[in-house]
C-alpha atoms as a PDB file:
ATOM      1  CA  UNK A   1       0.457   7.395 -15.902  1.00  0.00           C
ATOM      2  CA  UNK A   2       3.209   5.859 -13.812  1.00  0.00           C
ATOM      3  CA  UNK A   3       3.322   2.092 -14.013  1.00  0.00           C
ATOM      4  CA  UNK A   4       3.423   0.274 -10.660  1.00  0.00           C
ATOM      5  CA  UNK A   5       6.894  -1.168 -11.086  1.00  0.00           C
ATOM      6  CA  UNK A   6       8.722   1.544 -12.991  1.00  0.00           C
ATOM      7  CA  UNK A   7      11.844   2.777 -11.246  1.00  0.00           C
ATOM      8  CA  UNK A   8      10.892   5.085  -8.415  1.00  0.00           C
ATOM      9  CA  UNK A   9       7.180   4.312  -8.594  1.00  0.00           C
ATOM     10  CA  UNK A  10       7.286   2.060  -5.557  1.00  0.00           C
ATOM     11  CA  UNK A  11       9.663   4.125  -3.451  1.00  0.00           C
ATOM     12  CA  UNK A  12       8.060   5.629  -0.335  1.00  0.00           C
ATOM     13  CA  UNK A  13       6.881   8.806  -2.053  1.00  0.00           C
ATOM     14  CA  UNK A  14       3.373  10.176  -1.775  1.00  0.00           C
ATOM     15  CA  UNK A  15       1.154   8.209  -4.098  1.00  0.00           C
ATOM     16  CA  UNK A  16      -2.324   8.802  -5.515  1.00  0.00           C
ATOM     17  CA  UNK A  17      -4.486   5.912  -6.742  1.00  0.00           C
ATOM     18  CA  UNK A  18      -7.305   6.736  -9.186  1.00  0.00           C
ATOM     19  CA  UNK A  19     -10.020   4.068  -9.473  1.00  0.00           C
ATOM     20  CA  UNK A  20     -12.042   4.994 -12.558  1.00  0.00           C
ATOM     21  CA  UNK A  21     -13.350   2.818 -15.394  1.00  0.00           C
ATOM     22  CA  UNK A  22     -14.758   5.584 -17.625  1.00  0.00           C
ATOM     23  CA  UNK A  23     -12.115   6.430 -20.220  1.00  0.00           C
ATOM     24  CA  UNK A  24     -14.078   9.499 -21.322  1.00  0.00           C
ATOM     25  CA  UNK A  25     -13.830  10.947 -17.816  1.00  0.00           C
ATOM     26  CA  UNK A  26     -10.110  10.221 -17.743  1.00  0.00           C
ATOM     27  CA  UNK A  27      -9.486  11.905 -21.095  1.00  0.00           C
ATOM     28  CA  UNK A  28     -11.849  14.828 -20.585  1.00  0.00           C
ATOM     29  CA  UNK A  29     -11.282  15.714 -16.938  1.00  0.00           C
ATOM     30  CA  UNK A  30      -8.184  14.050 -15.527  1.00  0.00           C
ATOM     31  CA  UNK A  31      -5.355  14.714 -17.993  1.00  0.00           C
ATOM     32  CA  UNK A  32      -4.744  18.174 -16.506  1.00  0.00           C
ATOM     33  CA  UNK A  33      -4.987  16.635 -13.045  1.00  0.00           C
ATOM     34  CA  UNK A  34      -2.335  14.030 -13.944  1.00  0.00           C
ATOM     35  CA  UNK A  35      -0.044  16.720 -15.361  1.00  0.00           C
ATOM     36  CA  UNK A  36      -0.307  18.734 -12.144  1.00  0.00           C
ATOM     37  CA  UNK A  37       0.473  15.688 -10.012  1.00  0.00           C
ATOM     38  CA  UNK A  38       3.580  15.036 -12.084  1.00  0.00           C
ATOM     39  CA  UNK A  39       4.690  18.663 -11.722  1.00  0.00           C
ATOM     40  CA  UNK A  40       4.390  18.280  -7.949  1.00  0.00           C
ATOM     41  CA  UNK A  41       6.337  14.994  -8.107  1.00  0.00           C
ATOM     42  CA  UNK A  42       3.418  12.919  -6.835  1.00  0.00           C
ATOM     43  CA  UNK A  43       3.165   9.326  -8.016  1.00  0.00           C
ATOM     44  CA  UNK A  44      -0.138   8.303  -9.583  1.00  0.00           C
ATOM     45  CA  UNK A  45      -1.628   5.066 -10.905  1.00  0.00           C
ATOM     46  CA  UNK A  46      -5.011   4.486 -12.546  1.00  0.00           C
ATOM     47  CA  UNK A  47      -6.954   1.207 -12.370  1.00  0.00           C
ATOM     48  CA  UNK A  48     -10.418   0.408 -13.698  1.00  0.00           C
ATOM     49  CA  UNK A  49     -11.758  -2.341 -11.400  1.00  0.00           C
ATOM     50  CA  UNK A  50     -12.292  -2.859  -7.696  1.00  0.00           C
ATOM     51  CA  UNK A  51     -10.184  -5.999  -7.745  1.00  0.00           C
ATOM     52  CA  UNK A  52      -7.240  -4.172  -9.319  1.00  0.00           C
ATOM     53  CA  UNK A  53      -7.683  -1.366  -6.778  1.00  0.00           C
ATOM     54  CA  UNK A  54      -7.446  -3.775  -3.826  1.00  0.00           C
ATOM     55  CA  UNK A  55      -4.316  -5.345  -5.307  1.00  0.00           C
ATOM     56  CA  UNK A  56      -2.691  -1.936  -5.822  1.00  0.00           C
ATOM     57  CA  UNK A  57      -3.664  -0.742  -2.330  1.00  0.00           C
ATOM     58  CA  UNK A  58      -2.218  -3.819  -0.639  1.00  0.00           C
ATOM     59  CA  UNK A  59       0.951  -3.715  -2.729  1.00  0.00           C
ATOM     60  CA  UNK A  60       1.826  -0.015  -2.517  1.00  0.00           C
ATOM     61  CA  UNK A  61      -0.352   1.613   0.206  1.00  0.00           C
ATOM     62  CA  UNK A  62      -1.174   4.906  -1.552  1.00  0.00           C
ATOM     63  CA  UNK A  63      -1.673   7.983   0.601  1.00  0.00           C
ATOM     64  CA  UNK A  64      -4.891   9.010  -1.185  1.00  0.00           C
ATOM     65  CA  UNK A  65      -7.446   7.027  -3.198  1.00  0.00           C
ATOM     66  CA  UNK A  66      -9.817   8.722  -5.659  1.00  0.00           C
ATOM     67  CA  UNK A  67     -12.703   6.288  -6.064  1.00  0.00           C
ATOM     68  CA  UNK A  68     -15.559   6.104  -8.554  1.00  0.00           C
ATOM     69  CA  UNK A  69     -18.477   4.148  -7.081  1.00  0.00           C
ATOM     70  CA  UNK A  70     -19.700   2.632 -10.356  1.00  0.00           C
ATOM     71  CA  UNK A  71     -17.098  -0.064 -10.992  1.00  0.00           C
ATOM     72  CA  UNK A  72     -17.638  -3.046 -13.325  1.00  0.00           C
ATOM     73  CA  UNK A  73     -16.847  -5.792 -10.807  1.00  0.00           C
ATOM     74  CA  UNK A  74     -18.044  -4.406  -7.467  1.00  0.00           C
ATOM     75  CA  UNK A  75     -19.793  -1.416  -5.984  1.00  0.00           C
ATOM     76  CA  UNK A  76     -17.485   1.303  -4.678  1.00  0.00           C
ATOM     77  CA  UNK A  77     -19.137   1.264  -1.257  1.00  0.00           C
ATOM     78  CA  UNK A  78     -18.259  -2.435  -0.952  1.00  0.00           C
ATOM     79  CA  UNK A  79     -14.659  -1.594  -1.865  1.00  0.00           C
ATOM     80  CA  UNK A  80     -14.514   1.077   0.843  1.00  0.00           C
ATOM     81  CA  UNK A  81     -15.736  -1.390   3.478  1.00  0.00           C
ATOM     82  CA  UNK A  82     -13.141  -3.949   2.361  1.00  0.00           C
ATOM     83  CA  UNK A  83     -10.257  -1.466   2.582  1.00  0.00           C
ATOM     84  CA  UNK A  84     -11.420  -0.183   5.966  1.00  0.00           C
ATOM     85  CA  UNK A  85     -10.961  -3.648   7.479  1.00  0.00           C
ATOM     86  CA  UNK A  86      -7.217  -3.068   7.501  1.00  0.00           C
ATOM     87  CA  UNK A  87      -6.363   0.456   6.337  1.00  0.00           C
ATOM     88  CA  UNK A  88      -7.218   4.061   7.240  1.00  0.00           C
ATOM     89  CA  UNK A  89      -5.792   5.609   4.057  1.00  0.00           C
ATOM     90  CA  UNK A  90      -7.596   8.725   2.822  1.00  0.00           C
ATOM     91  CA  UNK A  91     -10.443   7.918   0.406  1.00  0.00           C
ATOM     92  CA  UNK A  92     -12.127  10.583  -1.731  1.00  0.00           C
ATOM     93  CA  UNK A  93     -15.210   9.401  -3.594  1.00  0.00           C
ATOM     94  CA  UNK A  94     -15.600  10.976  -7.046  1.00  0.00           C
ATOM     95  CA  UNK A  95     -19.002   9.926  -8.363  1.00  0.00           C
ATOM     96  CA  UNK A  96     -21.939  10.934 -10.548  1.00  0.00           C
ATOM     97  CA  UNK A  97     -24.257   9.752  -7.764  1.00  0.00           C
ATOM     98  CA  UNK A  98     -25.532  13.002  -6.285  1.00  0.00           C
ATOM     99  CA  UNK A  99     -28.359  11.744  -4.082  1.00  0.00           C
ATOM    100  CA  UNK A 100     -27.983  12.354  -0.361  1.00  0.00           C
ATOM    101  CA  UNK A 101     -28.479   8.645   0.432  1.00  0.00           C
ATOM    102  CA  UNK A 102     -25.535   7.715  -1.811  1.00  0.00           C
ATOM    103  CA  UNK A 103     -23.270  10.244  -0.098  1.00  0.00           C
ATOM    104  CA  UNK A 104     -24.314   9.063   3.354  1.00  0.00           C
ATOM    105  CA  UNK A 105     -23.755   5.394   2.432  1.00  0.00           C
ATOM    106  CA  UNK A 106     -20.224   6.087   1.149  1.00  0.00           C
ATOM    107  CA  UNK A 107     -19.250   8.263   4.119  1.00  0.00           C
ATOM    108  CA  UNK A 108     -20.698   5.782   6.619  1.00  0.00           C
ATOM    109  CA  UNK A 109     -18.744   2.980   4.910  1.00  0.00           C
ATOM    110  CA  UNK A 110     -15.536   4.903   5.589  1.00  0.00           C
ATOM    111  CA  UNK A 111     -14.985   7.460   2.825  1.00  0.00           C
ATOM    112  CA  UNK A 112     -13.310  10.681   4.002  1.00  0.00           C
ATOM    113  CA  UNK A 113     -14.659  13.041   1.329  1.00  0.00           C
ATOM    114  CA  UNK A 114     -17.208  13.050  -1.497  1.00  0.00           C
ATOM    115  CA  UNK A 115     -17.008  14.990  -4.769  1.00  0.00           C
ATOM    116  CA  UNK A 116     -19.864  14.896  -7.293  1.00  0.00           C
ATOM    117  CA  UNK A 117     -19.292  14.731 -11.058  1.00  0.00           C
ATOM    118  CA  UNK A 118     -18.955  16.874 -13.056  1.00  0.00           C
ATOM    119  CA  UNK A 119     -16.210  18.632 -11.121  1.00  0.00           C
ATOM    120  CA  UNK A 120     -13.502  21.194 -11.799  1.00  0.00           C
ATOM    121  CA  UNK A 121      -9.885  20.064 -11.810  1.00  0.00           C
ATOM    122  CA  UNK A 122      -9.016  22.922  -9.451  1.00  0.00           C
ATOM    123  CA  UNK A 123     -11.517  21.694  -6.861  1.00  0.00           C
ATOM    124  CA  UNK A 124     -10.246  18.120  -7.143  1.00  0.00           C
ATOM    125  CA  UNK A 125      -6.652  19.321  -6.680  1.00  0.00           C
ATOM    126  CA  UNK A 126      -7.688  21.373  -3.651  1.00  0.00           C
ATOM    127  CA  UNK A 127      -9.306  18.351  -2.045  1.00  0.00           C
ATOM    128  CA  UNK A 128      -6.241  16.193  -2.738  1.00  0.00           C
ATOM    129  CA  UNK A 129      -3.979  18.870  -1.203  1.00  0.00           C
ATOM    130  CA  UNK A 130      -6.211  18.966   1.877  1.00  0.00           C
ATOM    131  CA  UNK A 131      -6.082  15.163   2.122  1.00  0.00           C
ATOM    132  CA  UNK A 132      -2.285  15.139   1.833  1.00  0.00           C
ATOM    133  CA  UNK A 133      -1.982  17.780   4.575  1.00  0.00           C
ATOM    134  CA  UNK A 134      -3.920  15.515   6.916  1.00  0.00           C
ATOM    135  CA  UNK A 135      -1.900  12.462   5.870  1.00  0.00           C
ATOM    136  CA  UNK A 136       1.402  14.305   6.465  1.00  0.00           C
ATOM    137  CA  UNK A 137       0.270  15.652   9.829  1.00  0.00           C
ATOM    138  CA  UNK A 138      -0.857  12.216  11.014  1.00  0.00           C
ATOM    139  CA  UNK A 139       2.351  10.601   9.764  1.00  0.00           C
ATOM    140  CA  UNK A 140       4.587  13.198  11.427  1.00  0.00           C
ATOM    141  CA  UNK A 141       2.730  12.945  14.738  1.00  0.00           C
ATOM    142  CA  UNK A 142       2.937   9.167  14.587  1.00  0.00           C
ATOM    143  CA  UNK A 143       6.692   9.249  13.980  1.00  0.00           C
ATOM    144  CA  UNK A 144       7.184  11.708  16.822  1.00  0.00           C
ATOM    145  CA  UNK A 145       5.026   9.789  19.286  1.00  0.00           C
ATOM    146  CA  UNK A 146       6.176   6.263  18.495  1.00  0.00           C
ATOM    147  CA  UNK A 147       9.573   5.165  19.698  1.00  0.00           C
ATOM    148  CA  UNK A 148       8.737   1.525  19.054  1.00  0.00           C
ATOM    149  CA  UNK A 149       7.462  -0.513  16.118  1.00  0.00           C
ATOM    150  CA  UNK A 150       5.409  -3.682  16.554  1.00  0.00           C
ATOM    151  CA  UNK A 151       4.456  -6.049  13.737  1.00  0.00           C
ATOM    152  CA  UNK A 152       3.127  -9.421  14.859  1.00  0.00           C
ATOM    153  CA  UNK A 153       5.754 -10.828  17.248  1.00  0.00           C
ATOM    154  CA  UNK A 154       8.466  -8.501  15.903  1.00  0.00           C
ATOM    155  CA  UNK A 155       9.274  -5.440  18.023  1.00  0.00           C
ATOM    156  CA  UNK A 156      11.790  -2.631  17.415  1.00  0.00           C
ATOM    157  CA  UNK A 157      12.780  -0.119  20.058  1.00  0.00           C
ATOM    158  CA  UNK A 158      14.293   2.752  18.073  1.00  0.00           C
ATOM    159  CA  UNK A 159      15.519   4.619  21.156  1.00  0.00           C
ATOM    160  CA  UNK A 160      17.316   1.584  22.574  1.00  0.00           C
ATOM    161  CA  UNK A 161      18.357   0.206  19.193  1.00  0.00           C
ATOM    162  CA  UNK A 162      17.043  -3.225  20.135  1.00  0.00           C
ATOM    163  CA  UNK A 163      15.053  -5.882  18.285  1.00  0.00           C
ATOM    164  CA  UNK A 164      12.979  -8.674  19.818  1.00  0.00           C
ATOM    165  CA  UNK A 165      10.992 -11.493  18.234  1.00  0.00           C
ATOM    166  CA  UNK A 166       8.412 -13.223  20.437  1.00  0.00           C
ATOM    167  CA  UNK A 167      10.083 -11.602  23.454  1.00  0.00           C
ATOM    168  CA  UNK A 168      13.579 -12.843  22.597  1.00  0.00           C
ATOM    169  CA  UNK A 169      16.387 -10.369  21.866  1.00  0.00           C
ATOM    170  CA  UNK A 170      17.804 -10.706  18.349  1.00  0.00           C
ATOM    171  CA  UNK A 171      21.355  -9.663  17.566  1.00  0.00           C
ATOM    172  CA  UNK A 172      21.652  -7.864  14.236  1.00  0.00           C
ATOM    173  CA  UNK A 173      24.676  -6.495  12.453  1.00  0.00           C
ATOM    174  CA  UNK A 174      24.569  -2.670  12.073  1.00  0.00           C
ATOM    175  CA  UNK A 175      23.672  -2.910   8.390  1.00  0.00           C
ATOM    176  CA  UNK A 176      20.938  -5.485   9.090  1.00  0.00           C
ATOM    177  CA  UNK A 177      19.476  -3.161  11.718  1.00  0.00           C
ATOM    178  CA  UNK A 178      19.469  -0.204   9.306  1.00  0.00           C
ATOM    179  CA  UNK A 179      17.683  -2.289   6.682  1.00  0.00           C
ATOM    180  CA  UNK A 180      15.110  -3.525   9.195  1.00  0.00           C
ATOM    181  CA  UNK A 181      14.376   0.028  10.382  1.00  0.00           C
ATOM    182  CA  UNK A 182      13.944   1.219   6.798  1.00  0.00           C
ATOM    183  CA  UNK A 183      11.527  -1.603   6.003  1.00  0.00           C
ATOM    184  CA  UNK A 184       9.613  -1.057   9.248  1.00  0.00           C
ATOM    185  CA  UNK A 185       9.156   2.668   8.618  1.00  0.00           C
ATOM    186  CA  UNK A 186       7.691   1.798   5.222  1.00  0.00           C
ATOM    187  CA  UNK A 187       5.782  -1.348   6.170  1.00  0.00           C
ATOM    188  CA  UNK A 188       3.551  -2.582   3.369  1.00  0.00           C
ATOM    189  CA  UNK A 189       5.405  -0.678   0.652  1.00  0.00           C
ATOM    190  CA  UNK A 190       7.758  -2.075  -1.949  1.00  0.00           C
ATOM    191  CA  UNK A 191      11.152  -0.366  -1.734  1.00  0.00           C
ATOM    192  CA  UNK A 192      13.229  -0.515  -4.894  1.00  0.00           C
ATOM    193  CA  UNK A 193      16.825  -1.713  -4.824  1.00  0.00           C
ATOM    194  CA  UNK A 194      17.955   1.749  -5.913  1.00  0.00           C
ATOM    195  CA  UNK A 195      16.057   3.491  -3.099  1.00  0.00           C
ATOM    196  CA  UNK A 196      17.419   1.134  -0.423  1.00  0.00           C
ATOM    197  CA  UNK A 197      20.986   1.450  -1.694  1.00  0.00           C
ATOM    198  CA  UNK A 198      20.805   5.247  -1.780  1.00  0.00           C
ATOM    199  CA  UNK A 199      19.215   5.453   1.679  1.00  0.00           C
ATOM    200  CA  UNK A 200      21.382   2.915   3.517  1.00  0.00           C
ATOM    201  CA  UNK A 201      24.630   2.897   1.538  1.00  0.00           C
ATOM    202  CA  UNK A 202      24.483   6.529   0.412  1.00  0.00           C
ATOM    203  CA  UNK A 203      24.893   5.480  -3.210  1.00  0.00           C
ATOM    204  CA  UNK A 204      22.635   3.705  -5.679  1.00  0.00           C
ATOM    205  CA  UNK A 205      25.526   2.113  -7.578  1.00  0.00           C
ATOM    206  CA  UNK A 206      24.781  -1.427  -8.748  1.00  0.00           C
ATOM    207  CA  UNK A 207      28.113  -2.607  -7.320  1.00  0.00           C
ATOM    208  CA  UNK A 208      26.505  -2.517  -3.852  1.00  0.00           C
ATOM    209  CA  UNK A 209      23.563  -4.708  -4.899  1.00  0.00           C
ATOM    210  CA  UNK A 210      25.273  -8.043  -4.019  1.00  0.00           C
ATOM    211  CA  UNK A 211      25.949  -6.736  -0.487  1.00  0.00           C
ATOM    212  CA  UNK A 212      22.314  -5.676  -0.148  1.00  0.00           C
ATOM    213  CA  UNK A 213      21.134  -9.143  -1.130  1.00  0.00           C
ATOM    214  CA  UNK A 214      23.488 -10.818   1.354  1.00  0.00           C
ATOM    215  CA  UNK A 215      22.430  -8.608   4.268  1.00  0.00           C
ATOM    216  CA  UNK A 216      18.739  -8.978   3.396  1.00  0.00           C
ATOM    217  CA  UNK A 217      19.104 -12.764   3.247  1.00  0.00           C
ATOM    218  CA  UNK A 218      20.794 -12.946   6.664  1.00  0.00           C
ATOM    219  CA  UNK A 219      18.216 -10.552   8.150  1.00  0.00           C
ATOM    220  CA  UNK A 220      15.333 -12.629   6.798  1.00  0.00           C
ATOM    221  CA  UNK A 221      16.918 -15.837   8.088  1.00  0.00           C
ATOM    222  CA  UNK A 222      17.321 -14.426  11.614  1.00  0.00           C
ATOM    223  CA  UNK A 223      13.728 -13.186  11.758  1.00  0.00           C
ATOM    224  CA  UNK A 224      12.246 -16.415  10.425  1.00  0.00           C
ATOM    225  CA  UNK A 225      14.355 -18.566  12.754  1.00  0.00           C
ATOM    226  CA  UNK A 226      13.335 -16.528  15.804  1.00  0.00           C
ATOM    227  CA  UNK A 227       9.638 -16.431  14.916  1.00  0.00           C
ATOM    228  CA  UNK A 228       9.483 -20.094  13.941  1.00  0.00           C
ATOM    229  CA  UNK A 229       7.583 -19.805  10.681  1.00  0.00           C
ATOM    230  CA  UNK A 230       6.635 -16.205  10.019  1.00  0.00           C
ATOM    231  CA  UNK A 231       7.747 -14.477   6.820  1.00  0.00           C
ATOM    232  CA  UNK A 232       8.305 -10.751   7.345  1.00  0.00           C
ATOM    233  CA  UNK A 233      10.279  -9.773   4.255  1.00  0.00           C
ATOM    234  CA  UNK A 234       9.035 -10.423   0.734  1.00  0.00           C
ATOM    235  CA  UNK A 235      11.306 -10.208  -2.297  1.00  0.00           C
ATOM    236  CA  UNK A 236       9.871  -8.618  -5.443  1.00  0.00           C
ATOM    237  CA  UNK A 237      12.237 -10.130  -7.995  1.00  0.00           C
ATOM    238  CA  UNK A 238      13.946  -7.510 -10.124  1.00  0.00           C
ATOM    239  CA  UNK A 239      12.314  -4.709  -8.107  1.00  0.00           C
ATOM    240  CA  UNK A 240      13.112  -4.679  -4.387  1.00  0.00           C
ATOM    241  CA  UNK A 241      11.825  -5.719  -0.975  1.00  0.00           C
ATOM    242  CA  UNK A 242       8.726  -5.197   1.173  1.00  0.00           C
ATOM    243  CA  UNK A 243       7.958  -5.805   4.836  1.00  0.00           C
ATOM    244  CA  UNK A 244       4.619  -7.584   5.196  1.00  0.00           C
ATOM    245  CA  UNK A 245       2.118  -6.574   7.845  1.00  0.00           C
ATOM    246  CA  UNK A 246       1.607  -9.527  10.177  1.00  0.00           C
ATOM    247  CA  UNK A 247      -1.082 -10.479  12.658  1.00  0.00           C
ATOM    248  CA  UNK A 248       0.042 -12.991  15.248  1.00  0.00           C
ATOM    249  CA  UNK A 249      -2.410 -15.309  17.012  1.00  0.00           C
ATOM    250  CA  UNK A 250      -0.034 -16.716  19.576  1.00  0.00           C
ATOM    251  CA  UNK A 251      -2.538 -18.988  21.322  1.00  0.00           C
ATOM    252  CA  UNK A 252      -2.903 -20.935  18.077  1.00  0.00           C
ATOM    253  CA  UNK A 253       0.647 -20.356  16.878  1.00  0.00           C
ATOM    254  CA  UNK A 254      -0.679 -18.863  13.636  1.00  0.00           C
ATOM    255  CA  UNK A 255       0.387 -15.872  11.553  1.00  0.00           C
ATOM    256  CA  UNK A 256      -1.567 -13.940   8.942  1.00  0.00           C
ATOM    257  CA  UNK A 257      -0.263 -11.477   6.382  1.00  0.00           C
ATOM    258  CA  UNK A 258      -2.756  -8.718   7.030  1.00  0.00           C
ATOM    259  CA  UNK A 259      -2.674  -6.907   3.684  1.00  0.00           C
ATOM    260  CA  UNK A 260      -3.135 -10.088   1.667  1.00  0.00           C
ATOM    261  CA  UNK A 261      -5.964 -11.874   3.462  1.00  0.00           C
ATOM    262  CA  UNK A 262      -8.741  -9.745   1.910  1.00  0.00           C
ATOM    263  CA  UNK A 263      -7.356  -9.757  -1.628  1.00  0.00           C
ATOM    264  CA  UNK A 264      -9.338 -11.927  -4.066  1.00  0.00           C
ATOM    265  CA  UNK A 265      -7.184 -14.684  -5.627  1.00  0.00           C
ATOM    266  CA  UNK A 266      -6.065 -14.181  -9.214  1.00  0.00           C
ATOM    267  CA  UNK A 267      -7.931 -16.214 -11.817  1.00  0.00           C
ATOM    268  CA  UNK A 268      -4.913 -18.486 -12.275  1.00  0.00           C
ATOM    269  CA  UNK A 269      -5.265 -19.612  -8.630  1.00  0.00           C
ATOM    270  CA  UNK A 270      -8.888 -20.718  -8.950  1.00  0.00           C
ATOM    271  CA  UNK A 271      -9.941 -24.319  -9.415  1.00  0.00           C
ATOM    272  CA  UNK A 272     -11.366 -25.363 -12.770  1.00  0.00           C
ATOM    273  CA  UNK A 273     -14.951 -25.174 -11.498  1.00  0.00           C
ATOM    274  CA  UNK A 274     -14.366 -21.826  -9.852  1.00  0.00           C
ATOM    275  CA  UNK A 275     -12.815 -20.517 -13.059  1.00  0.00           C
ATOM    276  CA  UNK A 276     -15.899 -21.553 -15.007  1.00  0.00           C
ATOM    277  CA  UNK A 277     -18.157 -19.851 -12.471  1.00  0.00           C
ATOM    278  CA  UNK A 278     -16.010 -16.728 -12.505  1.00  0.00           C
ATOM    279  CA  UNK A 279     -15.977 -16.651 -16.317  1.00  0.00           C
ATOM    280  CA  UNK A 280     -19.723 -17.126 -16.375  1.00  0.00           C
ATOM    281  CA  UNK A 281     -20.235 -14.196 -14.004  1.00  0.00           C
ATOM    282  CA  UNK A 282     -17.988 -11.936 -16.032  1.00  0.00           C
ATOM    283  CA  UNK A 283     -19.882 -12.824 -19.204  1.00  0.00           C
ATOM    284  CA  UNK A 284     -23.236 -11.775 -17.766  1.00  0.00           C
END
């Protein structure tokens, strides 16, 4: 399994998220599947709870999610509905629930495919390949059709090479513009320092890292100054940078980071009473 923050794991490569809490299923049925993914240079991460799945989805935006419905902290159908509030990523349900009503409920909630356990690894791989073909086609069409990028009050016109924030033109240095375009084309994904350096500078040598940090700091400062109070670029210390998805409610002058608003807070962020309630629920 590839850990979320190992080098290369958060670069914009195709990524598969497996949400499965049954270790017997993982050992008996998925080891060959994992080996095949690695041979095809596809990133993969396994989590065992719905909460961990939401965190991974918001952090790294996988292309395909393989989802077991019977999770320890929430029902898989509930997880699908939550993800569909803000993402159309491809979701394949892999479940022992074989009743027609269960399949209908999952598909109506937003699942794209449904595979019943037990399954063959070859069939699972075929369904993942089919999902990736659709993802690639949609992505390529989107890149061909879109000459602009809009995120909250930030707008990029790739054809004109211009950037506006809240309708005001922003002057960027050439390197700042390249960095902004790279982040925009991978919005929601963490890009490692090494990936950014290789893509923008043409070399992943650490000697260019101080320059990257300077340009990213000036870019962030210009965007935040123009927008007033909106944070577009998040630093993942020791890892890289990510552009946040933003919803702007201009009439109220408010901004929301779209991929984070539906994520349950970590236990450390709960009040003492809430912690006790949470602990009590988990102990039942």
